[in-house]
Amino acid sequence: MQGYDKFASQEQIVEAADAPSPVVRKWVTGELMPEPRRVGGGHAQGTRNLWPPWAVERARWIREQLAQGLRWTTSPSWCGTASASLRADPRS
């Protein structure tokens, strides 16, 4: 697959995040991670997620922040923004 070497794979992102794909998807939905580029690999291969190379480091950084006790908070979409941020856990 020519040209895909410019992207990070889903496997690289999941490994850096130390989290399964559904968790990474929530990070994308919450705007902590960029939206991956989806490409078809043919009927037998399904689709692949291709991420910008810097997303690997971003996934690693999010994992580290969560490990330090920061919590993922979101703003409800009815407020006009559907964004997420990492904040200190007030319970710690």
PDB file of N, CA and C in Angstrom:
ATOM      1  N   MET A   1       0.837  -1.180   0.000  1.00  0.00           N
ATOM      2  CA  MET A   1       0.000   0.000   0.000  1.00  0.00           C
ATOM      3  C   MET A   1       0.878   1.238   0.000  1.00  0.00           C
ATOM      4  N   GLN A   2       1.030   1.761  -1.144  1.00  0.00           N
ATOM      5  CA  GLN A   2       1.933   2.864  -1.358  1.00  0.00           C
ATOM      6  C   GLN A   2       1.399   4.153  -0.724  1.00  0.00           C
ATOM      7  N   GLY A   3       2.296   4.912  -0.096  1.00  0.00           N
ATOM      8  CA  GLY A   3       1.930   6.196   0.469  1.00  0.00           C
ATOM      9  C   GLY A   3       1.424   6.142   1.902  1.00  0.00           C
ATOM     10  N   TYR A   4       1.110   4.947   2.405  1.00  0.00           N
ATOM     11  CA  TYR A   4       0.577   4.841   3.755  1.00  0.00           C
ATOM     12  C   TYR A   4       1.658   4.947   4.825  1.00  0.00           C
ATOM     13  N   ASP A   5       2.928   4.907   4.406  1.00  0.00           N
ATOM     14  CA  ASP A   5       4.016   5.015   5.375  1.00  0.00           C
ATOM     15  C   ASP A   5       4.089   6.407   5.995  1.00  0.00           C
ATOM     16  N   LYS A   6       3.329   7.361   5.468  1.00  0.00           N
ATOM     17  CA  LYS A   6       3.295   8.718   6.022  1.00  0.00           C
ATOM     18  C   LYS A   6       2.339   8.805   7.196  1.00  0.00           C
ATOM     19  N   PHE A   7       1.615   7.732   7.478  1.00  0.00           N
ATOM     20  CA  PHE A   7       0.602   7.724   8.514  1.00  0.00           C
ATOM     21  C   PHE A   7       0.947   6.727   9.612  1.00  0.00           C
ATOM     22  N   ALA A   8       0.350   6.931  10.776  1.00  0.00           N
ATOM     23  CA  ALA A   8       0.439   5.955  11.862  1.00  0.00           C
ATOM     24  C   ALA A   8      -0.763   5.025  11.735  1.00  0.00           C
ATOM     25  N   SER A   9      -0.578   3.776  12.098  1.00  0.00           N
ATOM     26  CA  SER A   9      -1.652   2.791  12.003  1.00  0.00           C
ATOM     27  C   SER A   9      -2.505   2.794  13.276  1.00  0.00           C
ATOM     28  N   GLN A  10      -3.663   2.178  13.181  1.00  0.00           N
ATOM     29  CA  GLN A  10      -4.534   2.017  14.345  1.00  0.00           C
ATOM     30  C   GLN A  10      -3.802   1.229  15.436  1.00  0.00           C
ATOM     31  N   GLU A  11      -3.048   0.224  15.041  1.00  0.00           N
ATOM     32  CA  GLU A  11      -2.306  -0.590  15.997  1.00  0.00           C
ATOM     33  C   GLU A  11      -1.283   0.251  16.767  1.00  0.00           C
ATOM     34  N   GLN A  12      -0.611   1.160  16.076  1.00  0.00           N
ATOM     35  CA  GLN A  12       0.366   2.025  16.745  1.00  0.00           C
ATOM     36  C   GLN A  12      -0.326   2.952  17.750  1.00  0.00           C
ATOM     37  N   ILE A  13      -1.492   3.458  17.384  1.00  0.00           N
ATOM     38  CA  ILE A  13      -2.229   4.358  18.271  1.00  0.00           C
ATOM     39  C   ILE A  13      -2.712   3.607  19.503  1.00  0.00           C
ATOM     40  N   VAL A  14      -3.292   2.428  19.304  1.00  0.00           N
ATOM     41  CA  VAL A  14      -3.798   1.621  20.423  1.00  0.00           C
ATOM     42  C   VAL A  14      -2.655   1.245  21.361  1.00  0.00           C
ATOM     43  N   GLU A  15      -1.509   0.898  20.804  1.00  0.00           N
ATOM     44  CA  GLU A  15      -0.357   0.547  21.632  1.00  0.00           C
ATOM     45  C   GLU A  15       0.133   1.754  22.439  1.00  0.00           C
ATOM     46  N   ALA A  16       0.228   2.909  21.799  1.00  0.00           N
ATOM     47  CA  ALA A  16       0.684   4.120  22.496  1.00  0.00           C
ATOM     48  C   ALA A  16      -0.313   4.544  23.573  1.00  0.00           C
ATOM     49  N   ALA A  17      -1.598   4.372  23.293  1.00  0.00           N
ATOM     50  CA  ALA A  17      -2.648   4.762  24.238  1.00  0.00           C
ATOM     51  C   ALA A  17      -2.776   3.755  25.372  1.00  0.00           C
ATOM     52  N   ASP A  18      -2.291   2.539  25.148  1.00  0.00           N
ATOM     53  CA  ASP A  18      -2.481   1.438  26.098  1.00  0.00           C
ATOM     54  C   ASP A  18      -3.967   1.308  26.428  1.00  0.00           C
ATOM     55  N   ALA A  19      -4.780   1.438  25.379  1.00  0.00           N
ATOM     56  CA  ALA A  19      -6.234   1.391  25.520  1.00  0.00           C
ATOM     57  C   ALA A  19      -6.814   0.753  24.254  1.00  0.00           C
ATOM     58  N   PRO A  20      -7.955   0.086  24.382  1.00  0.00           N
ATOM     59  CA  PRO A  20      -8.564  -0.522  23.194  1.00  0.00           C
ATOM     60  C   PRO A  20      -9.142   0.526  22.244  1.00  0.00           C
ATOM     61  N   SER A  21      -9.414   0.100  21.034  1.00  0.00           N
ATOM     62  CA  SER A  21      -9.943   1.003  20.008  1.00  0.00           C
ATOM     63  C   SER A  21     -11.195   1.771  20.434  1.00  0.00           C
ATOM     64  N   PRO A  22     -12.172   1.144  21.136  1.00  0.00           N
ATOM     65  CA  PRO A  22     -13.350   1.922  21.535  1.00  0.00           C
ATOM     66  C   PRO A  22     -13.015   3.110  22.447  1.00  0.00           C
ATOM     67  N   VAL A  23     -12.000   2.972  23.280  1.00  0.00           N
ATOM     68  CA  VAL A  23     -11.587   4.085  24.140  1.00  0.00           C
ATOM     69  C   VAL A  23     -10.963   5.189  23.298  1.00  0.00           C
ATOM     70  N   VAL A  24     -10.108   4.811  22.371  1.00  0.00           N
ATOM     71  CA  VAL A  24      -9.491   5.796  21.478  1.00  0.00           C
ATOM     72  C   VAL A  24     -10.582   6.515  20.685  1.00  0.00           C
ATOM     73  N   ARG A  25     -11.608   5.786  20.274  1.00  0.00           N
ATOM     74  CA  ARG A  25     -12.716   6.401  19.530  1.00  0.00           C
ATOM     75  C   ARG A  25     -13.409   7.467  20.375  1.00  0.00           C
ATOM     76  N   LYS A  26     -13.559   7.209  21.671  1.00  0.00           N
ATOM     77  CA  LYS A  26     -14.160   8.211  22.568  1.00  0.00           C
ATOM     78  C   LYS A  26     -13.276   9.444  22.650  1.00  0.00           C
ATOM     79  N   TRP A  27     -11.976   9.246  22.619  1.00  0.00           N
ATOM     80  CA  TRP A  27     -11.055  10.391  22.632  1.00  0.00           C
ATOM     81  C   TRP A  27     -11.227  11.214  21.367  1.00  0.00           C
ATOM     82  N   VAL A  28     -11.477  10.545  20.239  1.00  0.00           N
ATOM     83  CA  VAL A  28     -11.710  11.268  18.980  1.00  0.00           C
ATOM     84  C   VAL A  28     -13.024  12.035  19.074  1.00  0.00           C
ATOM     85  N   THR A  29     -14.063  11.375  19.546  1.00  0.00           N
ATOM     86  CA  THR A  29     -15.371  12.015  19.684  1.00  0.00           C
ATOM     87  C   THR A  29     -15.289  13.224  20.608  1.00  0.00           C
ATOM     88  N   GLY A  30     -14.488  13.122  21.653  1.00  0.00           N
ATOM     89  CA  GLY A  30     -14.319  14.217  22.599  1.00  0.00           C
ATOM     90  C   GLY A  30     -13.281  15.238  22.177  1.00  0.00           C
ATOM     91  N   GLU A  31     -12.736  15.080  20.995  1.00  0.00           N
ATOM     92  CA  GLU A  31     -11.767  16.004  20.416  1.00  0.00           C
ATOM     93  C   GLU A  31     -10.428  16.044  21.145  1.00  0.00           C
ATOM     94  N   LEU A  32     -10.101  14.965  21.841  1.00  0.00           N
ATOM     95  CA  LEU A  32      -8.758  14.848  22.416  1.00  0.00           C
ATOM     96  C   LEU A  32      -7.768  14.344  21.369  1.00  0.00           C
ATOM     97  N   MET A  33      -8.282  13.579  20.410  1.00  0.00           N
ATOM     98  CA  MET A  33      -7.476  13.028  19.326  1.00  0.00           C
ATOM     99  C   MET A  33      -8.063  13.487  18.000  1.00  0.00           C
ATOM    100  N   PRO A  34      -7.233  13.548  16.953  1.00  0.00           N
ATOM    101  CA  PRO A  34      -7.764  13.933  15.640  1.00  0.00           C
ATOM    102  C   PRO A  34      -8.603  12.811  15.045  1.00  0.00           C
ATOM    103  N   GLU A  35      -9.427  13.154  14.105  1.00  0.00           N
ATOM    104  CA  GLU A  35     -10.208  12.156  13.363  1.00  0.00           C
ATOM    105  C   GLU A  35      -9.259  11.435  12.408  1.00  0.00           C
ATOM    106  N   PRO A  36      -9.213  10.102  12.451  1.00  0.00           N
ATOM    107  CA  PRO A  36      -8.331   9.402  11.513  1.00  0.00           C
ATOM    108  C   PRO A  36      -8.909   9.419  10.109  1.00  0.00           C
ATOM    109  N   ARG A  37      -8.045   9.223   9.159  1.00  0.00           N
ATOM    110  CA  ARG A  37      -8.480   9.089   7.767  1.00  0.00           C
ATOM    111  C   ARG A  37      -8.829   7.619   7.553  1.00  0.00           C
ATOM    112  N   ARG A  38     -10.017   7.366   7.058  1.00  0.00           N
ATOM    113  CA  ARG A  38     -10.453   5.990   6.820  1.00  0.00           C
ATOM    114  C   ARG A  38     -10.294   5.658   5.338  1.00  0.00           C
ATOM    115  N   VAL A  39      -9.639   4.550   5.077  1.00  0.00           N
ATOM    116  CA  VAL A  39      -9.438   4.127   3.694  1.00  0.00           C
ATOM    117  C   VAL A  39      -9.880   2.682   3.544  1.00  0.00           C
ATOM    118  N   GLY A  40     -10.422   2.368   2.391  1.00  0.00           N
ATOM    119  CA  GLY A  40     -10.858   1.008   2.104  1.00  0.00           C
ATOM    120  C   GLY A  40      -9.713   0.154   1.638  1.00  0.00           C
ATOM    121  N   GLY A  41      -9.706  -1.073   2.091  1.00  0.00           N
ATOM    122  CA  GLY A  41      -8.668  -2.007   1.677  1.00  0.00           C
ATOM    123  C   GLY A  41      -9.215  -3.104   0.790  1.00  0.00           C
ATOM    124  N   GLY A  42     -10.405  -2.911   0.291  1.00  0.00           N
ATOM    125  CA  GLY A  42     -11.033  -3.955  -0.511  1.00  0.00           C
ATOM    126  C   GLY A  42     -12.021  -4.747   0.322  1.00  0.00           C
ATOM    127  N   HIS A  43     -12.831  -5.529  -0.321  1.00  0.00           N
ATOM    128  CA  HIS A  43     -13.898  -6.267   0.360  1.00  0.00           C
ATOM    129  C   HIS A  43     -13.363  -7.162   1.477  1.00  0.00           C
ATOM    130  N   ALA A  44     -12.327  -7.914   1.211  1.00  0.00           N
ATOM    131  CA  ALA A  44     -11.811  -8.861   2.201  1.00  0.00           C
ATOM    132  C   ALA A  44     -11.051  -8.175   3.332  1.00  0.00           C
ATOM    133  N   GLN A  45     -10.493  -7.011   3.064  1.00  0.00           N
ATOM    134  CA  GLN A  45      -9.663  -6.350   4.067  1.00  0.00           C
ATOM    135  C   GLN A  45     -10.408  -5.303   4.883  1.00  0.00           C
ATOM    136  N   GLY A  46     -11.570  -4.883   4.465  1.00  0.00           N
ATOM    137  CA  GLY A  46     -12.319  -3.875   5.199  1.00  0.00           C
ATOM    138  C   GLY A  46     -11.666  -2.506   5.093  1.00  0.00           C
ATOM    139  N   THR A  47     -11.822  -1.693   6.131  1.00  0.00           N
ATOM    140  CA  THR A  47     -11.238  -0.351   6.125  1.00  0.00           C
ATOM    141  C   THR A  47     -10.115  -0.265   7.143  1.00  0.00           C
ATOM    142  N   ARG A  48      -9.283   0.734   6.953  1.00  0.00           N
ATOM    143  CA  ARG A  48      -8.170   0.997   7.867  1.00  0.00           C
ATOM    144  C   ARG A  48      -8.249   2.433   8.332  1.00  0.00           C
ATOM    145  N   ASN A  49      -7.840   2.671   9.566  1.00  0.00           N
ATOM    146  CA  ASN A  49      -7.686   4.028  10.074  1.00  0.00           C
ATOM    147  C   ASN A  49      -6.242   4.439   9.893  1.00  0.00           C
ATOM    148  N   LEU A  50      -6.044   5.586   9.287  1.00  0.00           N
ATOM    149  CA  LEU A  50      -4.708   6.143   9.129  1.00  0.00           C
ATOM    150  C   LEU A  50      -4.663   7.452   9.913  1.00  0.00           C
ATOM    151  N   TRP A  51      -3.690   7.573  10.782  1.00  0.00           N
ATOM    152  CA  TRP A  51      -3.560   8.710  11.679  1.00  0.00           C
ATOM    153  C   TRP A  51      -2.360   9.556  11.296  1.00  0.00           C
ATOM    154  N   PRO A  52      -2.413  10.868  11.587  1.00  0.00           N
ATOM    155  CA  PRO A  52      -1.201  11.665  11.374  1.00  0.00           C
ATOM    156  C   PRO A  52      -0.101  11.128  12.302  1.00  0.00           C
ATOM    157  N   PRO A  53       1.142  11.180  11.884  1.00  0.00           N
ATOM    158  CA  PRO A  53       2.232  10.613  12.691  1.00  0.00           C
ATOM    159  C   PRO A  53       2.289  11.162  14.117  1.00  0.00           C
ATOM    160  N   TRP A  54       1.953  12.435  14.321  1.00  0.00           N
ATOM    161  CA  TRP A  54       2.027  13.027  15.652  1.00  0.00           C
ATOM    162  C   TRP A  54       0.959  12.482  16.594  1.00  0.00           C
ATOM    163  N   ALA A  55      -0.051  11.784  16.076  1.00  0.00           N
ATOM    164  CA  ALA A  55      -1.117  11.251  16.923  1.00  0.00           C
ATOM    165  C   ALA A  55      -0.613  10.153  17.859  1.00  0.00           C
ATOM    166  N   VAL A  56       0.474   9.473  17.491  1.00  0.00           N
ATOM    167  CA  VAL A  56       1.052   8.453  18.373  1.00  0.00           C
ATOM    168  C   VAL A  56       1.512   9.110  19.674  1.00  0.00           C
ATOM    169  N   GLU A  57       2.238  10.206  19.561  1.00  0.00           N
ATOM    170  CA  GLU A  57       2.715  10.910  20.748  1.00  0.00           C
ATOM    171  C   GLU A  57       1.545  11.505  21.534  1.00  0.00           C
ATOM    172  N   ARG A  58       0.544  11.970  20.837  1.00  0.00           N
ATOM    173  CA  ARG A  58      -0.643  12.522  21.500  1.00  0.00           C
ATOM    174  C   ARG A  58      -1.351  11.438  22.324  1.00  0.00           C
ATOM    175  N   ALA A  59      -1.507  10.240  21.776  1.00  0.00           N
ATOM    176  CA  ALA A  59      -2.140   9.134  22.497  1.00  0.00           C
ATOM    177  C   ALA A  59      -1.323   8.771  23.736  1.00  0.00           C
ATOM    178  N   ARG A  60      -0.010   8.767  23.590  1.00  0.00           N
ATOM    179  CA  ARG A  60       0.873   8.473  24.720  1.00  0.00           C
ATOM    180  C   ARG A  60       0.726   9.545  25.809  1.00  0.00           C
ATOM    181  N   TRP A  61       0.651  10.802  25.395  1.00  0.00           N
ATOM    182  CA  TRP A  61       0.502  11.915  26.338  1.00  0.00           C
ATOM    183  C   TRP A  61      -0.829  11.817  27.090  1.00  0.00           C
ATOM    184  N   ILE A  62      -1.912  11.508  26.387  1.00  0.00           N
ATOM    185  CA  ILE A  62      -3.217  11.360  27.046  1.00  0.00           C
ATOM    186  C   ILE A  62      -3.151  10.241  28.078  1.00  0.00           C
ATOM    187  N   ARG A  63      -2.560   9.112  27.694  1.00  0.00           N
ATOM    188  CA  ARG A  63      -2.415   7.993  28.633  1.00  0.00           C
ATOM    189  C   ARG A  63      -1.654   8.419  29.878  1.00  0.00           C
ATOM    190  N   GLU A  64      -0.564   9.150  29.698  1.00  0.00           N
ATOM    191  CA  GLU A  64       0.236   9.605  30.837  1.00  0.00           C
ATOM    192  C   GLU A  64      -0.551  10.554  31.732  1.00  0.00           C
ATOM    193  N   GLN A  65      -1.317  11.448  31.140  1.00  0.00           N
ATOM    194  CA  GLN A  65      -2.116  12.391  31.923  1.00  0.00           C
ATOM    195  C   GLN A  65      -3.174  11.655  32.744  1.00  0.00           C
ATOM    196  N   LEU A  66      -3.823  10.681  32.149  1.00  0.00           N
ATOM    197  CA  LEU A  66      -4.823   9.904  32.875  1.00  0.00           C
ATOM    198  C   LEU A  66      -4.173   9.089  33.992  1.00  0.00           C
ATOM    199  N   ALA A  67      -2.975   8.576  33.747  1.00  0.00           N
ATOM    200  CA  ALA A  67      -2.255   7.807  34.768  1.00  0.00           C
ATOM    201  C   ALA A  67      -1.850   8.681  35.953  1.00  0.00           C
ATOM    202  N   GLN A  68      -1.675   9.975  35.715  1.00  0.00           N
ATOM    203  CA  GLN A  68      -1.317  10.907  36.791  1.00  0.00           C
ATOM    204  C   GLN A  68      -2.536  11.394  37.570  1.00  0.00           C
ATOM    205  N   GLY A  69      -3.712  10.890  37.213  1.00  0.00           N
ATOM    206  CA  GLY A  69      -4.903  11.229  37.962  1.00  0.00           C
ATOM    207  C   GLY A  69      -5.769  12.310  37.363  1.00  0.00           C
ATOM    208  N   LEU A  70      -5.418  12.788  36.174  1.00  0.00           N
ATOM    209  CA  LEU A  70      -6.284  13.764  35.535  1.00  0.00           C
ATOM    210  C   LEU A  70      -7.517  13.054  34.998  1.00  0.00           C
ATOM    211  N   ARG A  71      -8.623  13.743  34.984  1.00  0.00           N
ATOM    212  CA  ARG A  71      -9.870  13.180  34.490  1.00  0.00           C
ATOM    213  C   ARG A  71     -10.238  13.814  33.167  1.00  0.00           C
ATOM    214  N   TRP A  72     -10.928  13.057  32.370  1.00  0.00           N
ATOM    215  CA  TRP A  72     -11.413  13.528  31.088  1.00  0.00           C
ATOM    216  C   TRP A  72     -12.791  14.113  31.311  1.00  0.00           C
ATOM    217  N   THR A  73     -12.958  15.392  31.022  1.00  0.00           N
ATOM    218  CA  THR A  73     -14.249  16.049  31.179  1.00  0.00           C
ATOM    219  C   THR A  73     -14.702  16.568  29.826  1.00  0.00           C
ATOM    220  N   THR A  74     -15.989  16.635  29.641  1.00  0.00           N
ATOM    221  CA  THR A  74     -16.523  17.108  28.369  1.00  0.00           C
ATOM    222  C   THR A  74     -17.507  18.236  28.597  1.00  0.00           C
ATOM    223  N   SER A  75     -17.632  19.075  27.597  1.00  0.00           N
ATOM    224  CA  SER A  75     -18.664  20.107  27.581  1.00  0.00           C
ATOM    225  C   SER A  75     -19.811  19.554  26.749  1.00  0.00           C
ATOM    226  N   PRO A  76     -21.030  19.614  27.246  1.00  0.00           N
ATOM    227  CA  PRO A  76     -22.143  19.080  26.462  1.00  0.00           C
ATOM    228  C   PRO A  76     -22.335  19.848  25.162  1.00  0.00           C
ATOM    229  N   SER A  77     -22.745  19.148  24.129  1.00  0.00           N
ATOM    230  CA  SER A  77     -22.888  19.773  22.821  1.00  0.00           C
ATOM    231  C   SER A  77     -23.950  20.866  22.817  1.00  0.00           C
ATOM    232  N   TRP A  78     -24.936  20.804  23.708  1.00  0.00           N
ATOM    233  CA  TRP A  78     -25.964  21.838  23.731  1.00  0.00           C
ATOM    234  C   TRP A  78     -25.432  23.176  24.222  1.00  0.00           C
ATOM    235  N   CYS A  79     -24.214  23.186  24.770  1.00  0.00           N
ATOM    236  CA  CYS A  79     -23.579  24.446  25.189  1.00  0.00           C
ATOM    237  C   CYS A  79     -22.926  25.155  24.006  1.00  0.00           C
ATOM    238  N   GLY A  80     -22.975  24.525  22.851  1.00  0.00           N
ATOM    239  CA  GLY A  80     -22.366  25.134  21.679  1.00  0.00           C
ATOM    240  C   GLY A  80     -20.993  24.578  21.380  1.00  0.00           C
ATOM    241  N   THR A  81     -20.438  23.827  22.311  1.00  0.00           N
ATOM    242  CA  THR A  81     -19.143  23.200  22.069  1.00  0.00           C
ATOM    243  C   THR A  81     -19.238  21.745  22.485  1.00  0.00           C
ATOM    244  N   ALA A  82     -18.597  20.906  21.752  1.00  0.00           N
ATOM    245  CA  ALA A  82     -18.533  19.486  22.094  1.00  0.00           C
ATOM    246  C   ALA A  82     -17.068  19.141  22.267  1.00  0.00           C
ATOM    247  N   SER A  83     -16.439  19.771  23.228  1.00  0.00           N
ATOM    248  CA  SER A  83     -15.012  19.561  23.393  1.00  0.00           C
ATOM    249  C   SER A  83     -14.715  18.871  24.716  1.00  0.00           C
ATOM    250  N   ALA A  84     -13.542  18.319  24.798  1.00  0.00           N
ATOM    251  CA  ALA A  84     -13.110  17.617  25.998  1.00  0.00           C
ATOM    252  C   ALA A  84     -11.805  18.214  26.483  1.00  0.00           C
ATOM    253  N   SER A  85     -11.525  18.016  27.750  1.00  0.00           N
ATOM    254  CA  SER A  85     -10.247  18.450  28.298  1.00  0.00           C
ATOM    255  C   SER A  85      -9.857  17.504  29.421  1.00  0.00           C
ATOM    256  N   LEU A  86      -8.611  17.570  29.787  1.00  0.00           N
ATOM    257  CA  LEU A  86      -8.109  16.786  30.904  1.00  0.00           C
ATOM    258  C   LEU A  86      -7.919  17.730  32.077  1.00  0.00           C
ATOM    259  N   ARG A  87      -8.501  17.393  33.220  1.00  0.00           N
ATOM    260  CA  ARG A  87      -8.415  18.241  34.404  1.00  0.00           C
ATOM    261  C   ARG A  87      -8.058  17.414  35.615  1.00  0.00           C
ATOM    262  N   ALA A  88      -7.521  18.082  36.611  1.00  0.00           N
ATOM    263  CA  ALA A  88      -7.162  17.396  37.847  1.00  0.00           C
ATOM    264  C   ALA A  88      -8.420  16.840  38.501  1.00  0.00           C
ATOM    265  N   ASP A  89      -8.321  15.655  39.032  1.00  0.00           N
ATOM    266  CA  ASP A  89      -9.436  15.022  39.701  1.00  0.00           C
ATOM    267  C   ASP A  89      -9.585  15.636  41.092  1.00  0.00           C
ATOM    268  N   PRO A  90     -10.711  16.302  41.371  1.00  0.00           N
ATOM    269  CA  PRO A  90     -10.877  16.950  42.680  1.00  0.00           C
ATOM    270  C   PRO A  90     -10.963  15.941  43.821  1.00  0.00           C
ATOM    271  N   ARG A  91     -11.188  14.678  43.507  1.00  0.00           N
ATOM    272  CA  ARG A  91     -11.283  13.651  44.553  1.00  0.00           C
ATOM    273  C   ARG A  91      -9.920  13.177  45.023  1.00  0.00           C
ATOM    274  N   SER A  92      -8.836  13.561  44.308  1.00  0.00           N
ATOM    275  CA  SER A  92      -7.499  13.097  44.683  1.00  0.00           C
ATOM    276  C   SER A  92      -6.890  13.983  45.746  1.00  0.00           C
TER     277      SER A  92
END
